[in-house]
Amino acid sequence: MNLDHDACYSAIRVRDARYDGRFFTAVKTTRIYCRPVCPARTPLSRNVVFYATAAAAQEAGFHPCLRCRPEIAPAAGPAPGLPASVARALQLIELGALDEGDLDALAARTGVGARQLRRQFREHLGASPVAVAQTRRVLLAKQLIHETRLPMAEIAFASGFGSIRRFNERFQQLFDRPPGALRRSSQPDVPAGPEGEIRLLLRYRPPYDWDAMLDFLRLRAIAGIEQVQGRRYTRSISLDGAQGTVAVEPGKGDALLATVRFPRLPSLPLIIARLRRQFDLDSDPAAIAAQLSHDPVLAALTAARPGLRIPGAWDGFELAMRAVLGQQITVVAAIRLGGKLVAAHGAPLARPEDGLTHVFPEPAAIAAADLAPLGMPRSRARTLSAVAAAALADPTLFEAGNDLDVSVRRLREIWGVGEWTAQYIALRLLREPDAFPAADIGLIRALEALESRSYTAAELLERSAAWRPWRAYAAQQLWAQGAAG
């Protein structure tokens, strides 16, 4: 990725927050890289070089600044012109694809060869896929050092390092000091304990409409696994047989505060990645609004709700079950059925708390269950069983890694899953920004009310071409308008 030196230098001279996270400034005389908003004295133009990613700066031999802390920069979102294979690989890396797997497996999931993927990463990000994964671990570890009282050994494993020795070596290389020396407080360490409680900030690029997000989640909260109280969302989680809970609420500055209680510290990077996707923390509201503002109707909606995000999902199988339960019935009725499903087939939570009593059922439990007693049409019960069987046959079915058309086609191969359900899953789970369930009656009615004319699904699909590549966000704006109206 090419960065205009003069434009970037002008941004750092005035510490323009709009560019925070979009590039990093590396100072050749100090071998340190910074955010554009760093409070340190601006270096001379001839002494700096700019990188699109923190990984590129670190791979070039520069060290993270201790003042502006690159690890807390907001995510920049997908860069314009980024190849689909690179965008998909970045999503998979965030979800831990290189923590246990290798580059060949990652490349295969993106549809290109390992050599081509490395070349694309070098061209567009300035760093290799492995370097991106390593930087992710280092910056998470540094955040945990500053924001928690965890002992260094626990931070090493919680940030994805395979050993304490490798953790110490990497920090010595980057900062010329052991990791413990970066913690300025003299307060004693506090281990996570048997429940593994960790509190940390999840930063985003403002604005963020948290109240709209909570309203969406409150209406769809399934009894036993989710709860919204005040401005706080809590839910139970399950990963590889281990159970825990997460709670999310507004934090200081442009961040959400997450409280994670989970017994396996090495699962923290995956939990963070899932939460970031669930709450859509990596999107760029300015870029989305700029595109949608070309349409008068969407321009007015985005101006009224500038921080509206797309609510995601904690788990792919769970969202697919929700989507099927919601076919042709109201949200309230679907959530009532979801509560029955959880009570009948969800595993009890080992440590119930605040109304959380179960975790969502696993695919194996649904596939083996008789769903007729739940009181739903036979065809819907059959679809739920088919989705469970498909998830068991292909564990990657609900993971990022394919383009929109491929994802929708794979989902539609499941008995009972049509275009609407597949697009809805792609929109909320796979984070496909251009997913668009054109047959959704809520979208049709919302646009009809705004434009005082009737629409068919085909006409709405044609109308949505002006909103690409952000049709998913246009859909969320229309849904919000329909709910308000």
Foldseek 3Di string as FASTA:
>chain_A
DDDDLVVLLVLLQVLPLVCFQQKWKAFQVVLAIATSNFPDDRDDSVRIDMFRHPLLSVVVRGAYDLRRQSLQTAFQFDDPPQDQLQVLLVLVLLLPCPLPHNQQVSSVLQPHGSVVQQVSCCVPGVHGSVSVSVVQLLSQLLQCLAQALADSQLSCLLSRHPHSVVQQVVCCSRPVDGSNVSRPDPDHGDHCPQQNKDKGWAAADDDADLVVLLVVCCLQPAFQAWDDDDSKIKGWDDDPHWIWMKMWGCDPDRTIMIITGTRRSNCNSNQSSLVCLQRVRNDDLVVLLVLQCVDVVSVVLCVVVSNDDFGADSDLLVLLLLLLLPPPDDSNSSSLLQNVQCVVAFAFDPDDDDRNTGYHHALVSLLPDDSVVSPDDPQSSQLNNQSSVVCVVPVCLLERRYALVVNLVSQCVGPPQDLQSSLVSCLRRNVQQQRDNLQDPQLQVLVCVVVVDHDHSVRSVVVLVSSPPRSSVVSSSSNVSSVVD
